[in-house]
Amino acid sequence: MSDPLSQTIATYDQHAGSYVARNQRDPKDEMARHFAQFGALVPRGGLVCDIGCGPGLHSLELIRRGYRTLSLDLSRGMLREAQKQDVRDLALADMRQLPIADASVDGLWVSASFLHVPRDDAPSTLKEFQRVLKPLGVLFMVVKHGEGDEVRSNLGNLPRYFILWREHELDALLRASAFEIVAGWTDSPETSTMGADWWIARFAVKR
């Protein structure tokens, strides 16, 4: 597949409304454990970037929990959906080259978005995360568990490209990028509230 990330973004652009309609789960219920752990690590009032914010529901929950937010996505369709939800401080941006000043962010919320980044770009993307975080800033990330990559065409019959990760691969990448992993877990389809997949969650601190 040529330029799979661009094709994935095109799919989200064309079917953002359908994505929202079929993902109506309340984020405070869907990801209660994740928000609780994030709250234990990032002080209220801090600036948090929701990277790959999609329709912005996680951004709204972060605001409800007392954070200032900047919400970024590479899909114009998703940003339009976020506007409909009254999410403020939205920006069209690629996580591989963030329009954010060095050492200016207290936390990064990267939920089910890093999994679209081509594997070859993963190390430089984590360096970009390092760049924008303050010392001891917190990175939260959720990715799909598995091997290799896959293409799914379950959104408007158009392709979305996913990179899958094993725990040891992701952990090694985080540590090689000067992050210290401070918490994390893997949810099975039976324990996850995010659908019929295995999901890896990691919380890491910039050192």
C-alpha atoms as a PDB file:
ATOM      1  CA  MET A   1       0.000   0.000   0.000  1.00  0.00           C
ATOM      2  CA  SER A   2       1.462   3.384  -0.989  1.00  0.00           C
ATOM      3  CA  ASP A   3       1.535   6.046   1.747  1.00  0.00           C
ATOM      4  CA  PRO A   4      -0.766   4.155   4.131  1.00  0.00           C
ATOM      5  CA  LEU A   5      -0.848   6.991   6.676  1.00  0.00           C
ATOM      6  CA  SER A   6      -2.269   9.418   4.096  1.00  0.00           C
ATOM      7  CA  GLN A   7      -4.900   6.835   3.155  1.00  0.00           C
ATOM      8  CA  THR A   8      -5.780   6.386   6.823  1.00  0.00           C
ATOM      9  CA  ILE A   9      -6.221  10.134   7.291  1.00  0.00           C
ATOM     10  CA  ALA A  10      -8.363  10.287   4.138  1.00  0.00           C
ATOM     11  CA  THR A  11     -10.600   7.583   5.595  1.00  0.00           C
ATOM     12  CA  TYR A  12     -11.049   9.526   8.820  1.00  0.00           C
ATOM     13  CA  ASP A  13     -11.709  12.729   6.867  1.00  0.00           C
ATOM     14  CA  GLN A  14     -14.476  11.111   4.838  1.00  0.00           C
ATOM     15  CA  HIS A  15     -16.088   9.127   7.633  1.00  0.00           C
ATOM     16  CA  ALA A  16     -15.448  11.123  10.815  1.00  0.00           C
ATOM     17  CA  GLY A  17     -19.175  11.430  11.472  1.00  0.00           C
ATOM     18  CA  SER A  18     -19.665   7.674  11.154  1.00  0.00           C
ATOM     19  CA  TYR A  19     -16.731   7.074  13.497  1.00  0.00           C
ATOM     20  CA  VAL A  20     -18.308   9.316  16.129  1.00  0.00           C
ATOM     21  CA  ALA A  21     -21.737   7.738  15.713  1.00  0.00           C
ATOM     22  CA  ARG A  22     -20.433   4.244  16.406  1.00  0.00           C
ATOM     23  CA  ASN A  23     -18.122   5.266  19.272  1.00  0.00           C
ATOM     24  CA  GLN A  24     -20.518   6.814  21.737  1.00  0.00           C
ATOM     25  CA  ARG A  25     -18.878   5.406  24.871  1.00  0.00           C
ATOM     26  CA  ASP A  26     -18.378   7.951  27.635  1.00  0.00           C
ATOM     27  CA  PRO A  27     -14.594   8.372  28.049  1.00  0.00           C
ATOM     28  CA  LYS A  28     -14.796   8.659  31.820  1.00  0.00           C
ATOM     29  CA  ASP A  29     -16.315   5.170  31.865  1.00  0.00           C
ATOM     30  CA  GLU A  30     -14.389   3.715  28.930  1.00  0.00           C
ATOM     31  CA  MET A  31     -10.980   4.758  30.279  1.00  0.00           C
ATOM     32  CA  ALA A  32     -11.561   5.396  33.973  1.00  0.00           C
ATOM     33  CA  ARG A  33      -8.421   3.496  35.003  1.00  0.00           C
ATOM     34  CA  HIS A  34      -6.297   5.404  32.491  1.00  0.00           C
ATOM     35  CA  PHE A  35      -7.596   8.803  33.598  1.00  0.00           C
ATOM     36  CA  ALA A  36      -7.058   7.898  37.245  1.00  0.00           C
ATOM     37  CA  GLN A  37      -3.434   6.912  36.666  1.00  0.00           C
ATOM     38  CA  PHE A  38      -2.808  10.006  34.555  1.00  0.00           C
ATOM     39  CA  GLY A  39      -4.295  12.166  37.305  1.00  0.00           C
ATOM     40  CA  ALA A  40      -1.947  10.614  39.836  1.00  0.00           C
ATOM     41  CA  LEU A  41       1.042  11.647  37.711  1.00  0.00           C
ATOM     42  CA  VAL A  42       0.097  15.025  36.191  1.00  0.00           C
ATOM     43  CA  PRO A  43      -0.946  17.850  38.532  1.00  0.00           C
ATOM     44  CA  ARG A  44      -4.293  19.558  37.940  1.00  0.00           C
ATOM     45  CA  GLY A  45      -3.901  22.815  36.079  1.00  0.00           C
ATOM     46  CA  GLY A  46      -1.101  21.455  33.916  1.00  0.00           C
ATOM     47  CA  LEU A  47      -1.033  21.789  30.136  1.00  0.00           C
ATOM     48  CA  VAL A  48      -1.903  18.506  28.433  1.00  0.00           C
ATOM     49  CA  CYS A  49      -1.749  17.880  24.699  1.00  0.00           C
ATOM     50  CA  ASP A  50      -4.292  15.398  23.372  1.00  0.00           C
ATOM     51  CA  ILE A  51      -2.354  14.080  20.378  1.00  0.00           C
ATOM     52  CA  GLY A  52      -4.549  12.447  17.779  1.00  0.00           C
ATOM     53  CA  CYS A  53      -7.570  13.827  19.596  1.00  0.00           C
ATOM     54  CA  GLY A  54     -10.148  12.567  17.101  1.00  0.00           C
ATOM     55  CA  PRO A  55     -13.575  14.013  17.995  1.00  0.00           C
ATOM     56  CA  GLY A  56     -12.174  15.439  21.216  1.00  0.00           C
ATOM     57  CA  LEU A  57     -14.113  13.523  23.846  1.00  0.00           C
ATOM     58  CA  HIS A  58     -10.961  12.722  25.800  1.00  0.00           C
ATOM     59  CA  SER A  59      -9.982  16.393  25.630  1.00  0.00           C
ATOM     60  CA  LEU A  60     -13.300  17.330  27.222  1.00  0.00           C
ATOM     61  CA  GLU A  61     -12.761  14.783  29.989  1.00  0.00           C
ATOM     62  CA  LEU A  62      -9.252  16.139  30.628  1.00  0.00           C
ATOM     63  CA  ILE A  63     -10.717  19.646  30.923  1.00  0.00           C
ATOM     64  CA  ARG A  64     -13.368  18.346  33.314  1.00  0.00           C
ATOM     65  CA  ARG A  65     -10.552  16.950  35.433  1.00  0.00           C
ATOM     66  CA  GLY A  66      -8.894  20.339  35.726  1.00  0.00           C
ATOM     67  CA  TYR A  67      -6.320  20.386  32.917  1.00  0.00           C
ATOM     68  CA  ARG A  68      -5.606  22.972  30.255  1.00  0.00           C
ATOM     69  CA  THR A  69      -5.607  21.298  26.860  1.00  0.00           C
ATOM     70  CA  LEU A  70      -4.301  21.636  23.347  1.00  0.00           C
ATOM     71  CA  SER A  71      -5.949  19.127  21.025  1.00  0.00           C
ATOM     72  CA  LEU A  72      -4.194  18.047  17.830  1.00  0.00           C
ATOM     73  CA  ASP A  73      -5.164  15.806  14.944  1.00  0.00           C
ATOM     74  CA  LEU A  74      -4.054  15.244  11.352  1.00  0.00           C
ATOM     75  CA  SER A  75      -7.629  14.700  10.145  1.00  0.00           C
ATOM     76  CA  ARG A  76      -9.643  17.794   9.268  1.00  0.00           C
ATOM     77  CA  GLY A  77     -12.791  15.689   9.476  1.00  0.00           C
ATOM     78  CA  MET A  78     -12.040  14.716  13.058  1.00  0.00           C
ATOM     79  CA  LEU A  79     -11.254  18.306  14.000  1.00  0.00           C
ATOM     80  CA  ARG A  80     -14.630  19.376  12.608  1.00  0.00           C
ATOM     81  CA  GLU A  81     -16.295  16.762  14.823  1.00  0.00           C
ATOM     82  CA  ALA A  82     -14.313  18.068  17.803  1.00  0.00           C
ATOM     83  CA  GLN A  83     -15.544  21.593  17.033  1.00  0.00           C
ATOM     84  CA  LYS A  84     -19.108  20.287  17.149  1.00  0.00           C
ATOM     85  CA  GLN A  85     -18.345  19.024  20.675  1.00  0.00           C
ATOM     86  CA  ASP A  86     -17.182  22.559  21.625  1.00  0.00           C
ATOM     87  CA  VAL A  87     -13.576  21.462  22.071  1.00  0.00           C
ATOM     88  CA  ARG A  88     -11.374  24.570  22.112  1.00  0.00           C
ATOM     89  CA  ASP A  89      -7.716  25.093  21.225  1.00  0.00           C
ATOM     90  CA  LEU A  90      -7.710  22.699  18.280  1.00  0.00           C
ATOM     91  CA  ALA A  91      -4.918  22.435  15.725  1.00  0.00           C
ATOM     92  CA  LEU A  92      -4.247  20.478  12.553  1.00  0.00           C
ATOM     93  CA  ALA A  93      -0.876  18.874  13.232  1.00  0.00           C
ATOM     94  CA  ASP A  94       1.275  15.809  12.621  1.00  0.00           C
ATOM     95  CA  MET A  95       2.601  14.244  15.833  1.00  0.00           C
ATOM     96  CA  ARG A  96       5.878  13.593  14.042  1.00  0.00           C
ATOM     97  CA  GLN A  97       6.478  17.366  13.894  1.00  0.00           C
ATOM     98  CA  LEU A  98       4.580  19.106  16.661  1.00  0.00           C
ATOM     99  CA  PRO A  99       3.910  22.869  16.497  1.00  0.00           C
ATOM    100  CA  ILE A 100       4.738  23.183  20.202  1.00  0.00           C
ATOM    101  CA  ALA A 101       7.591  24.930  21.998  1.00  0.00           C
ATOM    102  CA  ASP A 102      10.366  22.956  23.672  1.00  0.00           C
ATOM    103  CA  ALA A 103       9.758  21.837  27.270  1.00  0.00           C
ATOM    104  CA  SER A 104       6.347  23.525  27.468  1.00  0.00           C
ATOM    105  CA  VAL A 105       3.914  20.658  28.160  1.00  0.00           C
ATOM    106  CA  ASP A 106       3.146  18.840  31.410  1.00  0.00           C
ATOM    107  CA  GLY A 107       1.547  15.780  29.846  1.00  0.00           C
ATOM    108  CA  LEU A 108       0.867  14.094  26.528  1.00  0.00           C
ATOM    109  CA  TRP A 109      -2.308  12.044  26.091  1.00  0.00           C
ATOM    110  CA  VAL A 110      -1.751   9.755  23.076  1.00  0.00           C
ATOM    111  CA  SER A 111      -4.696   7.360  23.022  1.00  0.00           C
ATOM    112  CA  ALA A 112      -5.044   5.021  20.013  1.00  0.00           C
ATOM    113  CA  SER A 113      -3.247   7.435  17.669  1.00  0.00           C
ATOM    114  CA  PHE A 114       0.463   6.522  17.799  1.00  0.00           C
ATOM    115  CA  LEU A 115      -0.631   3.181  16.320  1.00  0.00           C
ATOM    116  CA  HIS A 116      -1.059   4.909  12.953  1.00  0.00           C
ATOM    117  CA  VAL A 117       2.550   6.172  12.876  1.00  0.00           C
ATOM    118  CA  PRO A 118       4.747   4.116  10.516  1.00  0.00           C
ATOM    119  CA  ARG A 119       7.150   1.954  12.515  1.00  0.00           C
ATOM    120  CA  ASP A 120      10.179   3.595  10.920  1.00  0.00           C
ATOM    121  CA  ASP A 121       8.957   6.968  12.214  1.00  0.00           C
ATOM    122  CA  ALA A 122       8.271   5.771  15.763  1.00  0.00           C
ATOM    123  CA  PRO A 123      11.706   6.612  17.281  1.00  0.00           C
ATOM    124  CA  SER A 124      11.773  10.151  15.886  1.00  0.00           C
ATOM    125  CA  THR A 125       8.167  10.679  16.998  1.00  0.00           C
ATOM    126  CA  LEU A 126       9.093   9.756  20.565  1.00  0.00           C
ATOM    127  CA  LYS A 127      12.019  12.189  20.368  1.00  0.00           C
ATOM    128  CA  GLU A 128       9.490  14.841  19.385  1.00  0.00           C
ATOM    129  CA  PHE A 129       7.414  13.908  22.435  1.00  0.00           C
ATOM    130  CA  GLN A 130      10.575  14.277  24.524  1.00  0.00           C
ATOM    131  CA  ARG A 131      11.236  17.693  23.040  1.00  0.00           C
ATOM    132  CA  VAL A 132       7.892  19.243  23.966  1.00  0.00           C
ATOM    133  CA  LEU A 133       7.569  17.741  27.456  1.00  0.00           C
ATOM    134  CA  LYS A 134       8.876  19.530  30.506  1.00  0.00           C
ATOM    135  CA  PRO A 135      11.416  17.656  32.647  1.00  0.00           C
ATOM    136  CA  LEU A 136       9.470  14.928  34.469  1.00  0.00           C
ATOM    137  CA  GLY A 137       6.577  15.467  32.066  1.00  0.00           C
ATOM    138  CA  VAL A 138       4.322  12.462  31.538  1.00  0.00           C
ATOM    139  CA  LEU A 139       3.606  10.531  28.353  1.00  0.00           C
ATOM    140  CA  PHE A 140       0.495   8.343  28.304  1.00  0.00           C
ATOM    141  CA  MET A 141       0.091   6.031  25.333  1.00  0.00           C
ATOM    142  CA  VAL A 142      -2.314   3.293  24.272  1.00  0.00           C
ATOM    143  CA  VAL A 143      -1.569   1.080  21.248  1.00  0.00           C
ATOM    144  CA  LYS A 144      -2.951  -2.131  19.807  1.00  0.00           C
ATOM    145  CA  HIS A 145      -1.217  -5.320  20.892  1.00  0.00           C
ATOM    146  CA  GLY A 146       0.027  -7.705  18.232  1.00  0.00           C
ATOM    147  CA  GLU A 147       2.734  -8.364  15.658  1.00  0.00           C
ATOM    148  CA  GLY A 148       3.546  -6.494  12.473  1.00  0.00           C
ATOM    149  CA  ASP A 149       0.841  -4.322  10.981  1.00  0.00           C
ATOM    150  CA  GLU A 150      -2.647  -4.647   9.593  1.00  0.00           C
ATOM    151  CA  VAL A 151      -5.131  -2.881   7.373  1.00  0.00           C
ATOM    152  CA  ARG A 152      -8.781  -2.651   8.376  1.00  0.00           C
ATOM    153  CA  SER A 153     -11.564  -1.507   6.068  1.00  0.00           C
ATOM    154  CA  ASN A 154     -14.363  -1.378   8.628  1.00  0.00           C
ATOM    155  CA  LEU A 155     -14.987   2.375   8.370  1.00  0.00           C
ATOM    156  CA  GLY A 156     -16.830   3.186   5.151  1.00  0.00           C
ATOM    157  CA  ASN A 157     -15.091   0.253   3.440  1.00  0.00           C
ATOM    158  CA  LEU A 158     -11.972   2.415   3.188  1.00  0.00           C
ATOM    159  CA  PRO A 159      -8.564   1.383   4.550  1.00  0.00           C
ATOM    160  CA  ARG A 160      -7.041   2.309   7.901  1.00  0.00           C
ATOM    161  CA  TYR A 161      -3.475   1.271   8.603  1.00  0.00           C
ATOM    162  CA  PHE A 162      -2.424   0.101  12.079  1.00  0.00           C
ATOM    163  CA  ILE A 163       0.989  -0.683  13.550  1.00  0.00           C
ATOM    164  CA  LEU A 164       0.775  -3.400  16.202  1.00  0.00           C
ATOM    165  CA  TRP A 165       3.148  -3.654  19.158  1.00  0.00           C
ATOM    166  CA  ARG A 166       4.375  -6.264  21.608  1.00  0.00           C
ATOM    167  CA  GLU A 167       4.996  -5.087  25.158  1.00  0.00           C
ATOM    168  CA  HIS A 168       8.748  -5.672  25.029  1.00  0.00           C
ATOM    169  CA  GLU A 169       9.040  -3.778  21.716  1.00  0.00           C
ATOM    170  CA  LEU A 170       7.177  -0.745  22.981  1.00  0.00           C
ATOM    171  CA  ASP A 171       8.982  -0.735  26.317  1.00  0.00           C
ATOM    172  CA  ALA A 172      12.385  -0.962  24.640  1.00  0.00           C
ATOM    173  CA  LEU A 173      11.491   1.904  22.322  1.00  0.00           C
ATOM    174  CA  LEU A 174      10.344   4.102  25.204  1.00  0.00           C
ATOM    175  CA  ARG A 175      13.489   3.429  27.220  1.00  0.00           C
ATOM    176  CA  ALA A 176      15.722   4.036  24.192  1.00  0.00           C
ATOM    177  CA  SER A 177      13.977   7.408  23.853  1.00  0.00           C
ATOM    178  CA  ALA A 178      14.918   8.391  27.444  1.00  0.00           C
ATOM    179  CA  PHE A 179      11.531   7.683  28.986  1.00  0.00           C
ATOM    180  CA  GLU A 180      11.145   5.892  32.320  1.00  0.00           C
ATOM    181  CA  ILE A 181       8.086   3.645  32.396  1.00  0.00           C
ATOM    182  CA  VAL A 182       6.265   4.187  35.684  1.00  0.00           C
ATOM    183  CA  ALA A 183       2.986   2.302  35.129  1.00  0.00           C
ATOM    184  CA  GLY A 184       1.197   0.215  32.543  1.00  0.00           C
ATOM    185  CA  TRP A 185      -0.873  -2.822  31.707  1.00  0.00           C
ATOM    186  CA  THR A 186      -2.296  -4.856  28.824  1.00  0.00           C
ATOM    187  CA  ASP A 187      -6.052  -5.303  28.473  1.00  0.00           C
ATOM    188  CA  SER A 188      -7.575  -8.312  26.730  1.00  0.00           C
ATOM    189  CA  PRO A 189     -10.880  -8.109  24.813  1.00  0.00           C
ATOM    190  CA  GLU A 190     -12.507  -9.468  27.982  1.00  0.00           C
ATOM    191  CA  THR A 191     -11.099  -6.749  30.262  1.00  0.00           C
ATOM    192  CA  SER A 192     -10.918  -3.831  27.818  1.00  0.00           C
ATOM    193  CA  THR A 193     -13.700  -1.322  27.283  1.00  0.00           C
ATOM    194  CA  MET A 194     -12.124  -0.218  23.975  1.00  0.00           C
ATOM    195  CA  GLY A 195     -13.481  -2.976  21.730  1.00  0.00           C
ATOM    196  CA  ALA A 196     -12.508  -6.469  20.612  1.00  0.00           C
ATOM    197  CA  ASP A 197      -8.745  -5.993  20.642  1.00  0.00           C
ATOM    198  CA  TRP A 198      -5.835  -6.319  23.028  1.00  0.00           C
ATOM    199  CA  TRP A 199      -4.517  -2.906  24.126  1.00  0.00           C
ATOM    200  CA  ILE A 200      -1.204  -1.894  25.724  1.00  0.00           C
ATOM    201  CA  ALA A 201      -1.243   1.129  28.040  1.00  0.00           C
ATOM    202  CA  ARG A 202       1.965   2.802  29.190  1.00  0.00           C
ATOM    203  CA  PHE A 203       2.731   5.792  31.400  1.00  0.00           C
ATOM    204  CA  ALA A 204       6.272   7.119  31.116  1.00  0.00           C
ATOM    205  CA  VAL A 205       8.185  10.088  32.529  1.00  0.00           C
ATOM    206  CA  LYS A 206      10.696  12.223  30.668  1.00  0.00           C
ATOM    207  CA  ARG A 207      14.149  11.895  32.229  1.00  0.00           C
END
